[in-house]
Amino acid sequence: MNRRTMLTTSTLLASGLGIGAGVHAAEAQSTDRPIRRKDRALTTEEAYEVIKHTPHAVLCTTDASGQPYGVPISPVLVGDYLVFHGAADPKGRKWENMRQNPKVSVTFVGRGETASDELPGEFSVNYASAILTGKAMPVTDEAEKKKLATAIAMRHVPQAGAEGIEKYYQAGNKGIQVWKIKIEKVTGKARNKQGYFNKIKAG
């Protein structure tokens, strides 16, 4: 490979990965690393508890050029997958991003109190959060789509009941797309985690 080819390849890599000015293509590597504040790290089981008790989250996607995009979702855990839905529009930004790059991250904020009895006058936050990473894929099998869409509805509108959810699905299933994320990693952090989990137990 001659010098011109090397320079051209480097430029294309930097452009395709969305690397900012001053960052060489050779430096484009994962920034994944262990949690710095190990005293506030949650176990995997505890992080899953945050996910289970947090109804809404932010899905983070990146297109092939490296442009990031975060969007709220209302997910539910089903087995080894995190499941969510969206409009059945292949031209939608969320859909297109995951088609270009299925690697995603989902952030859950289960607690975020900037003022409470536990933190009187402190400039800090009582928090509990979890981050999930994995690969997203559209659900194409109709039977699986219905099953997962029903699980989403049961998580977020259980008061509708099985019959109501069935009617709603039959009326609008063509307008939605269900996605599932194969979970690869789950981490979590919390300040005063015992206080958070005590609140969960208390309902």
C-alpha atoms as a PDB file:
ATOM      1  CA  MET A   1       0.000   0.000   0.000  1.00  0.00           C
ATOM      2  CA  ASN A   2       1.542   3.325  -1.075  1.00  0.00           C
ATOM      3  CA  ARG A   3       1.389   6.547   0.900  1.00  0.00           C
ATOM      4  CA  ARG A   4      -1.492   8.033  -1.132  1.00  0.00           C
ATOM      5  CA  THR A   5      -3.597   4.912  -0.653  1.00  0.00           C
ATOM      6  CA  MET A   6      -2.846   4.935   3.066  1.00  0.00           C
ATOM      7  CA  LEU A   7      -3.900   8.560   3.384  1.00  0.00           C
ATOM      8  CA  THR A   8      -7.090   7.970   1.399  1.00  0.00           C
ATOM      9  CA  THR A   9      -7.997   4.924   3.489  1.00  0.00           C
ATOM     10  CA  SER A  10      -7.341   6.835   6.694  1.00  0.00           C
ATOM     11  CA  THR A  11      -9.584   9.684   5.544  1.00  0.00           C
ATOM     12  CA  LEU A  12     -12.397   7.310   4.599  1.00  0.00           C
ATOM     13  CA  LEU A  13     -12.171   5.512   7.926  1.00  0.00           C
ATOM     14  CA  ALA A  14     -12.268   8.770   9.835  1.00  0.00           C
ATOM     15  CA  SER A  15     -15.274   9.936   7.821  1.00  0.00           C
ATOM     16  CA  GLY A  16     -17.149   6.643   8.103  1.00  0.00           C
ATOM     17  CA  LEU A  17     -16.621   6.408  11.845  1.00  0.00           C
ATOM     18  CA  GLY A  18     -17.578  10.006  12.468  1.00  0.00           C
ATOM     19  CA  ILE A  19     -14.233  10.733  14.120  1.00  0.00           C
ATOM     20  CA  GLY A  20     -13.848  14.315  15.265  1.00  0.00           C
ATOM     21  CA  ALA A  21     -11.078  16.679  14.270  1.00  0.00           C
ATOM     22  CA  GLY A  22      -7.762  15.868  15.905  1.00  0.00           C
ATOM     23  CA  VAL A  23      -8.500  12.146  16.366  1.00  0.00           C
ATOM     24  CA  HIS A  24      -6.513   9.824  14.147  1.00  0.00           C
ATOM     25  CA  ALA A  25      -8.256   6.822  12.593  1.00  0.00           C
ATOM     26  CA  ALA A  26      -5.782   4.532  14.364  1.00  0.00           C
ATOM     27  CA  GLU A  27      -7.230   5.748  17.675  1.00  0.00           C
ATOM     28  CA  ALA A  28     -10.752   4.657  16.742  1.00  0.00           C
ATOM     29  CA  GLN A  29     -11.230   1.879  19.255  1.00  0.00           C
ATOM     30  CA  SER A  30     -13.700   0.945  21.940  1.00  0.00           C
ATOM     31  CA  THR A  31     -13.813   3.154  25.025  1.00  0.00           C
ATOM     32  CA  ASP A  32     -15.565   0.451  27.050  1.00  0.00           C
ATOM     33  CA  ARG A  33     -13.926   0.135  30.451  1.00  0.00           C
ATOM     34  CA  PRO A  34     -14.672  -0.957  34.044  1.00  0.00           C
ATOM     35  CA  ILE A  35     -16.772   1.342  36.237  1.00  0.00           C
ATOM     36  CA  ARG A  36     -14.555   3.896  37.966  1.00  0.00           C
ATOM     37  CA  ARG A  37     -16.572   4.218  41.188  1.00  0.00           C
ATOM     38  CA  LYS A  38     -16.558   0.565  42.170  1.00  0.00           C
ATOM     39  CA  ASP A  39     -18.061   1.481  45.540  1.00  0.00           C
ATOM     40  CA  ARG A  40     -21.250   2.483  43.711  1.00  0.00           C
ATOM     41  CA  ALA A  41     -21.313  -0.350  41.180  1.00  0.00           C
ATOM     42  CA  LEU A  42     -24.345  -2.626  41.167  1.00  0.00           C
ATOM     43  CA  THR A  43     -24.177  -6.346  40.660  1.00  0.00           C
ATOM     44  CA  THR A  44     -25.638  -7.663  37.418  1.00  0.00           C
ATOM     45  CA  GLU A  45     -28.692  -8.877  39.334  1.00  0.00           C
ATOM     46  CA  GLU A  46     -29.178  -5.449  40.932  1.00  0.00           C
ATOM     47  CA  ALA A  47     -28.797  -3.716  37.558  1.00  0.00           C
ATOM     48  CA  TYR A  48     -31.529  -5.981  36.160  1.00  0.00           C
ATOM     49  CA  GLU A  49     -33.755  -4.944  39.059  1.00  0.00           C
ATOM     50  CA  VAL A  50     -33.321  -1.298  38.032  1.00  0.00           C
ATOM     51  CA  ILE A  51     -34.309  -2.234  34.479  1.00  0.00           C
ATOM     52  CA  LYS A  52     -37.342  -4.225  35.626  1.00  0.00           C
ATOM     53  CA  HIS A  53     -38.628  -1.328  37.750  1.00  0.00           C
ATOM     54  CA  THR A  54     -37.940   1.512  35.296  1.00  0.00           C
ATOM     55  CA  PRO A  55     -40.779   1.823  32.748  1.00  0.00           C
ATOM     56  CA  HIS A  56     -39.040   4.156  30.301  1.00  0.00           C
ATOM     57  CA  ALA A  57     -35.529   4.365  28.917  1.00  0.00           C
ATOM     58  CA  VAL A  58     -33.424   6.011  26.218  1.00  0.00           C
ATOM     59  CA  LEU A  59     -32.316   3.949  23.231  1.00  0.00           C
ATOM     60  CA  CYS A  60     -29.013   5.121  21.758  1.00  0.00           C
ATOM     61  CA  THR A  61     -28.217   4.253  18.160  1.00  0.00           C
ATOM     62  CA  THR A  62     -25.500   5.281  15.712  1.00  0.00           C
ATOM     63  CA  ASP A  63     -25.736   5.321  11.953  1.00  0.00           C
ATOM     64  CA  ALA A  64     -22.959   4.133   9.645  1.00  0.00           C
ATOM     65  CA  SER A  65     -21.391   7.608   9.591  1.00  0.00           C
ATOM     66  CA  GLY A  66     -21.107   7.688  13.371  1.00  0.00           C
ATOM     67  CA  GLN A  67     -23.956  10.170  13.934  1.00  0.00           C
ATOM     68  CA  PRO A  68     -25.576   9.401  17.319  1.00  0.00           C
ATOM     69  CA  TYR A  69     -29.296   9.447  18.027  1.00  0.00           C
ATOM     70  CA  GLY A  70     -31.116   8.894  21.309  1.00  0.00           C
ATOM     71  CA  VAL A  71     -34.854   8.298  21.540  1.00  0.00           C
ATOM     72  CA  PRO A  72     -37.212   7.389  24.422  1.00  0.00           C
ATOM     73  CA  ILE A  73     -38.678   3.891  24.452  1.00  0.00           C
ATOM     74  CA  SER A  74     -40.972   1.881  26.745  1.00  0.00           C
ATOM     75  CA  PRO A  75     -39.287  -1.520  26.863  1.00  0.00           C
ATOM     76  CA  VAL A  76     -39.816  -4.799  28.675  1.00  0.00           C
ATOM     77  CA  LEU A  77     -37.519  -7.701  29.491  1.00  0.00           C
ATOM     78  CA  VAL A  78     -38.522 -10.998  27.886  1.00  0.00           C
ATOM     79  CA  GLY A  79     -36.065 -13.797  28.543  1.00  0.00           C
ATOM     80  CA  ASP A  80     -32.625 -12.863  27.226  1.00  0.00           C
ATOM     81  CA  TYR A  81     -34.002  -9.930  25.229  1.00  0.00           C
ATOM     82  CA  LEU A  82     -35.055  -6.357  25.818  1.00  0.00           C
ATOM     83  CA  VAL A  83     -38.128  -5.720  23.692  1.00  0.00           C
ATOM     84  CA  PHE A  84     -39.615  -2.435  22.472  1.00  0.00           C
ATOM     85  CA  HIS A  85     -41.762  -1.146  19.635  1.00  0.00           C
ATOM     86  CA  GLY A  86     -41.918   1.720  17.179  1.00  0.00           C
ATOM     87  CA  ALA A  87     -43.661   2.837  14.032  1.00  0.00           C
ATOM     88  CA  ALA A  88     -43.555   0.373  11.151  1.00  0.00           C
ATOM     89  CA  ASP A  89     -41.672   2.819   8.972  1.00  0.00           C
ATOM     90  CA  PRO A  90     -38.421   1.544   7.431  1.00  0.00           C
ATOM     91  CA  LYS A  91     -37.557   5.150   6.564  1.00  0.00           C
ATOM     92  CA  GLY A  92     -37.757   6.232  10.191  1.00  0.00           C
ATOM     93  CA  ARG A  93     -34.474   7.346  11.739  1.00  0.00           C
ATOM     94  CA  LYS A  94     -34.537   4.787  14.551  1.00  0.00           C
ATOM     95  CA  TRP A  95     -35.270   1.951  12.119  1.00  0.00           C
ATOM     96  CA  GLU A  96     -32.662   3.099   9.601  1.00  0.00           C
ATOM     97  CA  ASN A  97     -29.970   3.532  12.256  1.00  0.00           C
ATOM     98  CA  MET A  98     -30.443   0.008  13.577  1.00  0.00           C
ATOM     99  CA  ARG A  99     -30.424  -1.371  10.060  1.00  0.00           C
ATOM    100  CA  GLN A 100     -27.101   0.354   9.394  1.00  0.00           C
ATOM    101  CA  ASN A 101     -25.624  -0.454  12.791  1.00  0.00           C
ATOM    102  CA  PRO A 102     -27.436  -2.955  15.056  1.00  0.00           C
ATOM    103  CA  LYS A 103     -25.193  -2.221  18.042  1.00  0.00           C
ATOM    104  CA  VAL A 104     -27.212  -0.227  20.565  1.00  0.00           C
ATOM    105  CA  SER A 105     -27.163   0.981  24.134  1.00  0.00           C
ATOM    106  CA  VAL A 106     -30.148   1.575  26.413  1.00  0.00           C
ATOM    107  CA  THR A 107     -30.008   3.754  29.530  1.00  0.00           C
ATOM    108  CA  PHE A 108     -32.421   3.432  32.462  1.00  0.00           C
ATOM    109  CA  VAL A 109     -32.639   6.061  35.215  1.00  0.00           C
ATOM    110  CA  GLY A 110     -34.491   4.401  38.065  1.00  0.00           C
ATOM    111  CA  ARG A 111     -33.864   7.180  40.537  1.00  0.00           C
ATOM    112  CA  GLY A 112     -32.616  10.753  40.324  1.00  0.00           C
ATOM    113  CA  GLU A 113     -33.265  12.845  43.415  1.00  0.00           C
ATOM    114  CA  THR A 114     -31.389  16.122  43.681  1.00  0.00           C
ATOM    115  CA  ALA A 115     -33.011  17.054  46.982  1.00  0.00           C
ATOM    116  CA  SER A 116     -34.334  14.686  49.624  1.00  0.00           C
ATOM    117  CA  ASP A 117     -34.260  13.906  53.327  1.00  0.00           C
ATOM    118  CA  GLU A 118     -31.250  11.713  52.631  1.00  0.00           C
ATOM    119  CA  LEU A 119     -29.312  14.578  51.022  1.00  0.00           C
ATOM    120  CA  PRO A 120     -30.186  17.739  53.007  1.00  0.00           C
ATOM    121  CA  GLY A 121     -28.424  20.716  51.469  1.00  0.00           C
ATOM    122  CA  GLU A 122     -25.996  18.609  49.462  1.00  0.00           C
ATOM    123  CA  PHE A 123     -25.017  19.354  45.871  1.00  0.00           C
ATOM    124  CA  SER A 124     -25.369  15.762  44.786  1.00  0.00           C
ATOM    125  CA  VAL A 125     -27.867  13.269  43.398  1.00  0.00           C
ATOM    126  CA  ASN A 126     -29.313  10.105  44.847  1.00  0.00           C
ATOM    127  CA  TYR A 127     -29.363   7.988  41.730  1.00  0.00           C
ATOM    128  CA  ALA A 128     -29.798   4.444  40.502  1.00  0.00           C
ATOM    129  CA  SER A 129     -29.176   3.694  36.856  1.00  0.00           C
ATOM    130  CA  ALA A 130     -28.428   0.841  34.509  1.00  0.00           C
ATOM    131  CA  ILE A 131     -26.970   0.580  31.026  1.00  0.00           C
ATOM    132  CA  LEU A 132     -27.667  -2.314  28.687  1.00  0.00           C
ATOM    133  CA  THR A 133     -25.822  -3.011  25.448  1.00  0.00           C
ATOM    134  CA  GLY A 134     -26.486  -5.499  22.683  1.00  0.00           C
ATOM    135  CA  LYS A 135     -27.588  -5.985  19.096  1.00  0.00           C
ATOM    136  CA  ALA A 136     -31.046  -4.986  17.893  1.00  0.00           C
ATOM    137  CA  MET A 137     -33.083  -6.874  15.329  1.00  0.00           C
ATOM    138  CA  PRO A 138     -36.608  -6.491  13.957  1.00  0.00           C
ATOM    139  CA  VAL A 139     -39.097  -9.203  14.817  1.00  0.00           C
ATOM    140  CA  THR A 140     -40.348 -10.577  11.505  1.00  0.00           C
ATOM    141  CA  ASP A 141     -42.265 -13.666  12.613  1.00  0.00           C
ATOM    142  CA  GLU A 142     -45.907 -12.667  13.092  1.00  0.00           C
ATOM    143  CA  ALA A 143     -46.565 -15.030  15.997  1.00  0.00           C
ATOM    144  CA  GLU A 144     -43.476 -13.805  17.851  1.00  0.00           C
ATOM    145  CA  LYS A 145     -44.366 -10.199  17.089  1.00  0.00           C
ATOM    146  CA  LYS A 146     -47.804 -10.629  18.633  1.00  0.00           C
ATOM    147  CA  LYS A 147     -46.378 -12.381  21.692  1.00  0.00           C
ATOM    148  CA  LEU A 148     -43.801  -9.648  22.321  1.00  0.00           C
ATOM    149  CA  ALA A 149     -46.198  -6.792  21.573  1.00  0.00           C
ATOM    150  CA  THR A 150     -48.588  -8.322  24.112  1.00  0.00           C
ATOM    151  CA  ALA A 151     -45.756  -8.486  26.671  1.00  0.00           C
ATOM    152  CA  ILE A 152     -45.046  -4.787  26.109  1.00  0.00           C
ATOM    153  CA  ALA A 153     -48.713  -3.916  26.583  1.00  0.00           C
ATOM    154  CA  MET A 154     -49.037  -6.063  29.699  1.00  0.00           C
ATOM    155  CA  ARG A 155     -46.021  -4.267  31.167  1.00  0.00           C
ATOM    156  CA  HIS A 156     -47.266  -0.761  30.471  1.00  0.00           C
ATOM    157  CA  VAL A 157     -51.081  -0.967  30.330  1.00  0.00           C
ATOM    158  CA  PRO A 158     -52.041  -4.023  32.391  1.00  0.00           C
ATOM    159  CA  GLN A 159     -55.319  -2.367  33.303  1.00  0.00           C
ATOM    160  CA  ALA A 160     -56.486  -2.936  29.718  1.00  0.00           C
ATOM    161  CA  GLY A 161     -56.611  -6.680  30.367  1.00  0.00           C
ATOM    162  CA  ALA A 162     -55.893  -9.500  27.947  1.00  0.00           C
ATOM    163  CA  GLU A 163     -59.078  -8.921  25.934  1.00  0.00           C
ATOM    164  CA  GLY A 164     -58.498  -5.204  25.544  1.00  0.00           C
ATOM    165  CA  ILE A 165     -54.882  -5.736  24.524  1.00  0.00           C
ATOM    166  CA  GLU A 166     -55.936  -8.345  21.959  1.00  0.00           C
ATOM    167  CA  LYS A 167     -58.449  -5.952  20.378  1.00  0.00           C
ATOM    168  CA  TYR A 168     -55.917  -3.133  20.310  1.00  0.00           C
ATOM    169  CA  TYR A 169     -53.315  -5.351  18.673  1.00  0.00           C
ATOM    170  CA  GLN A 170     -55.690  -6.639  16.021  1.00  0.00           C
ATOM    171  CA  ALA A 171     -56.665  -3.073  15.141  1.00  0.00           C
ATOM    172  CA  GLY A 172     -53.179  -1.592  14.986  1.00  0.00           C
ATOM    173  CA  ASN A 173     -50.531  -4.286  14.580  1.00  0.00           C
ATOM    174  CA  LYS A 174     -49.812  -3.338  10.966  1.00  0.00           C
ATOM    175  CA  GLY A 175     -48.714   0.104  12.107  1.00  0.00           C
ATOM    176  CA  ILE A 176     -46.087  -1.042  14.590  1.00  0.00           C
ATOM    177  CA  GLN A 177     -42.746  -2.779  14.397  1.00  0.00           C
ATOM    178  CA  VAL A 178     -41.457  -4.769  17.338  1.00  0.00           C
ATOM    179  CA  TRP A 179     -37.729  -4.908  17.981  1.00  0.00           C
ATOM    180  CA  LYS A 180     -35.683  -7.076  20.298  1.00  0.00           C
ATOM    181  CA  ILE A 181     -32.180  -6.542  21.621  1.00  0.00           C
ATOM    182  CA  LYS A 182     -30.030  -9.570  22.320  1.00  0.00           C
ATOM    183  CA  ILE A 183     -28.495  -8.514  25.613  1.00  0.00           C
ATOM    184  CA  GLU A 184     -24.707  -8.668  25.733  1.00  0.00           C
ATOM    185  CA  LYS A 185     -23.851  -6.631  28.818  1.00  0.00           C
ATOM    186  CA  VAL A 186     -25.652  -4.986  31.728  1.00  0.00           C
ATOM    187  CA  THR A 187     -24.062  -2.639  34.259  1.00  0.00           C
ATOM    188  CA  GLY A 188     -25.436  -0.334  36.919  1.00  0.00           C
ATOM    189  CA  LYS A 189     -24.517   2.290  39.492  1.00  0.00           C
ATOM    190  CA  ALA A 190     -26.257   3.797  42.487  1.00  0.00           C
ATOM    191  CA  ARG A 191     -25.706   6.178  45.358  1.00  0.00           C
ATOM    192  CA  ASN A 192     -27.320   4.819  48.514  1.00  0.00           C
ATOM    193  CA  LYS A 193     -28.503   1.728  46.661  1.00  0.00           C
ATOM    194  CA  GLN A 194     -30.046   0.286  49.801  1.00  0.00           C
ATOM    195  CA  GLY A 195     -32.421   3.227  50.016  1.00  0.00           C
ATOM    196  CA  TYR A 196     -33.432   2.690  46.403  1.00  0.00           C
ATOM    197  CA  PHE A 197     -34.055  -1.025  46.776  1.00  0.00           C
ATOM    198  CA  ASN A 198     -35.949  -0.448  50.005  1.00  0.00           C
ATOM    199  CA  LYS A 199     -38.325   1.843  48.106  1.00  0.00           C
ATOM    200  CA  ILE A 200     -38.811  -0.824  45.446  1.00  0.00           C
ATOM    201  CA  LYS A 201     -39.672  -3.428  48.060  1.00  0.00           C
ATOM    202  CA  ALA A 202     -42.087  -1.019  49.729  1.00  0.00           C
ATOM    203  CA  GLY A 203     -43.871  -0.560  46.411  1.00  0.00           C
END
